[in-house]
Protein backbone atom coordinates (compact mmCIF):
# COMPACT_ATOMS: atom_id res chain seq x y z
CA MET A 1 -1.28 2.22 23.70
CA LEU A 2 -2.72 -1.02 22.24
CA LEU A 3 -6.51 -1.06 22.37
CA THR A 4 -7.85 -4.51 23.35
CA ALA A 5 -11.37 -5.77 23.81
CA ARG A 6 -10.95 -5.80 27.59
CA SER A 7 -9.59 -2.25 27.81
CA ALA A 8 -12.26 -0.86 25.58
CA LYS A 9 -14.98 -2.88 27.36
CA LEU A 10 -16.72 -3.81 24.10
CA SER A 11 -18.99 -6.78 23.65
CA SER A 12 -17.83 -9.48 21.30
CA SER A 13 -20.37 -8.50 18.65
CA GLU A 14 -19.19 -4.86 18.74
CA TRP A 15 -15.59 -5.91 18.56
CA ARG A 16 -15.97 -7.82 15.35
CA THR A 17 -17.65 -5.09 13.35
CA GLU A 18 -15.50 -2.25 11.93
CA MET A 19 -16.37 0.72 9.82
CA ARG A 20 -13.79 1.51 7.18
CA ARG A 21 -13.36 4.51 4.98
CA LYS A 22 -12.25 4.27 1.37
CA ALA A 23 -9.97 7.14 0.30
CA ASP A 24 -9.29 7.79 -3.38
CA TYR A 25 -7.91 10.55 -5.59
CA THR A 26 -8.31 12.07 -9.00
CA TRP A 27 -5.27 13.26 -10.92
CA ASN A 28 -6.18 16.50 -12.76
CA LEU A 29 -2.98 17.26 -14.75
CA ALA A 30 -4.60 16.74 -18.16
CA GLU A 31 -7.28 19.22 -17.26
CA LEU A 32 -4.82 21.81 -16.01
CA MET A 33 -2.80 21.34 -19.17
CA ALA A 34 -5.83 21.86 -21.37
CA ARG A 35 -6.78 25.00 -19.49
CA ASN A 36 -3.28 26.38 -20.18
CA SER A 37 -3.38 25.44 -23.93
CA MET A 38 -1.05 22.42 -23.58
CA HIS A 39 -2.62 19.70 -25.61
CA ASN A 40 0.30 17.26 -25.92
CA SER A 41 2.46 15.72 -23.28
CA THR A 42 5.55 17.12 -25.16
CA ASP A 43 4.33 20.67 -24.43
CA LEU A 44 5.01 20.06 -20.66
CA ALA A 45 8.66 18.89 -21.16
CA PRO A 46 10.35 22.36 -21.63
CA HIS A 47 8.58 23.72 -18.58
CA LEU A 48 9.76 20.83 -16.44
CA VAL A 49 13.37 21.18 -17.76
CA ASN A 50 13.29 24.89 -16.91
CA ARG A 51 12.50 23.95 -13.29
CA GLY A 52 15.31 21.25 -13.02
CA ILE A 53 13.01 18.23 -13.56
CA ASP A 54 14.52 15.97 -16.31
CA LEU A 55 11.99 13.25 -17.35
CA SER A 56 11.97 11.10 -20.46
CA PRO A 57 9.16 11.68 -22.98
CA ALA A 58 7.67 8.25 -21.89
CA GLN A 59 7.70 9.32 -18.29
CA ILE A 60 6.03 12.59 -19.06
CA TRP A 61 3.40 10.82 -21.13
CA ARG A 62 2.59 8.41 -18.21
CA LEU A 63 2.43 11.33 -15.94
CA VAL A 64 -0.14 13.09 -18.09
CA THR A 65 -2.24 10.10 -19.15
CA GLN A 66 -2.17 7.88 -16.10
CA ARG A 67 -2.75 8.34 -12.38
CA PRO A 68 0.64 8.17 -10.56
CA GLU A 69 0.94 6.02 -7.50
CA ARG A 70 4.11 7.85 -6.24
CA LEU A 71 5.10 11.40 -6.99
CA SER A 72 8.23 13.26 -5.83
CA LEU A 73 7.72 16.52 -4.02
CA PRO A 74 10.07 18.45 -6.28
CA LEU A 75 7.98 17.30 -9.25
CA LEU A 76 4.74 18.29 -7.42
CA ALA A 77 6.23 21.69 -6.65
CA ALA A 78 7.34 22.14 -10.31
CA LEU A 79 3.83 21.26 -11.63
CA CYS A 80 2.23 23.72 -9.14
CA ASP A 81 4.62 26.41 -10.25
CA ILE A 82 4.02 25.71 -13.97
CA PHE A 83 0.19 25.88 -13.62
CA ASN A 84 0.14 28.44 -10.75
CA CYS A 85 -2.08 26.17 -8.72
CA SER A 86 -2.09 24.43 -5.36
CA PRO A 87 -1.58 20.66 -4.91
CA ALA A 88 -5.30 20.45 -3.99
CA GLU A 89 -6.13 21.58 -7.56
CA LEU A 90 -3.73 19.10 -9.08
CA ILE A 91 -4.93 16.17 -6.82
CA SER A 92 -8.63 15.94 -5.83
CA VAL A 93 -9.10 13.75 -2.84
CA HIS A 94 -12.47 12.11 -2.03
CA SER A 95 -13.41 9.49 0.48
CA GLU A 96 -16.56 7.58 1.43
CA ASP A 97 -17.65 5.09 3.93
CA ALA A 98 -16.87 1.58 2.76
CA SER A 99 -19.21 -1.29 3.58
CA THR A 100 -19.02 -2.48 7.10
CA ILE A 101 -16.46 -5.26 7.35
CA ARG A 102 -17.36 -8.08 9.61
CA LYS A 103 -14.59 -10.30 10.80
CA ALA A 104 -15.32 -13.99 10.97
CA VAL A 105 -14.06 -15.21 14.35
CA ASN A 106 -14.43 -18.94 15.11
CA GLU A 107 -17.07 -19.29 12.39
CA VAL A 108 -17.25 -21.30 9.24
CA ALA A 109 -17.82 -18.98 6.29
CA ASN A 110 -20.93 -19.75 4.21
CA LEU A 111 -19.53 -19.74 0.66
CA ARG A 112 -22.82 -20.29 -1.00
CA SER A 113 -24.01 -16.83 0.00
CA THR A 114 -21.04 -15.10 -1.56
CA PRO A 115 -20.97 -16.31 -5.15
CA GLY A 116 -17.69 -15.77 -7.00
CA LYS A 117 -15.58 -16.24 -3.82
CA ALA A 118 -15.93 -19.97 -3.58
CA ARG A 119 -13.26 -22.14 -4.95
CA PRO A 120 -14.16 -24.54 -7.84
CA ARG A 121 -14.49 -28.22 -7.15
CA ARG A 122 -11.40 -30.27 -7.91
CA ALA A 123 -11.68 -32.20 -11.08
CA ARG A 124 -11.37 -36.00 -11.10
CA VAL A 125 -9.66 -37.41 -14.12
CA LEU A 126 -10.73 -40.90 -15.05
CA ARG A 127 -9.00 -43.08 -17.61
CA ASP A 128 -10.87 -44.34 -20.63
CA ASP A 129 -10.69 -48.11 -20.89
CA VAL A 130 -9.70 -48.71 -24.50
CA GLU A 131 -10.36 -52.21 -25.64
C-alpha cells in the first residue's frame, strides 16, 4: 500500500521531514586471520582451496586488505568454517541516526548557507586588444 500525505493525514511540515538511519559495516577478516596465526594473505589460499573456493592471489589479497562490497555465500560459509566463527564475528554491523533530511518543496535553496555546494560563477573571457 502506497502511503500518501492524505492517507497518513500529516501536515505539510511533517511530511517534508524524514529521519534516516545510516547503516555501515566493518570487515574483520584481517583480525580473525591474525588471531589464527595467519599473517599473510597467502596463508589463507590453501584453506580456501580445501573448501572448493578457487580465488587468485590478487583476489585473496583484496579480500583480506579491503572491505568487500559483494560477497558470495559459499565464500562466506568457507571463511566461517576456516575460522570457526559466525558471520556476525566476520562482519560487524553498526548503524546510527543520520541527520534529519529536509526536502525542499517549492522553495528556492539558499546556497550561501551551504558553502561548498554552490556552483562557481561562470568565467567571462575577454580578448586583449593588441595594438
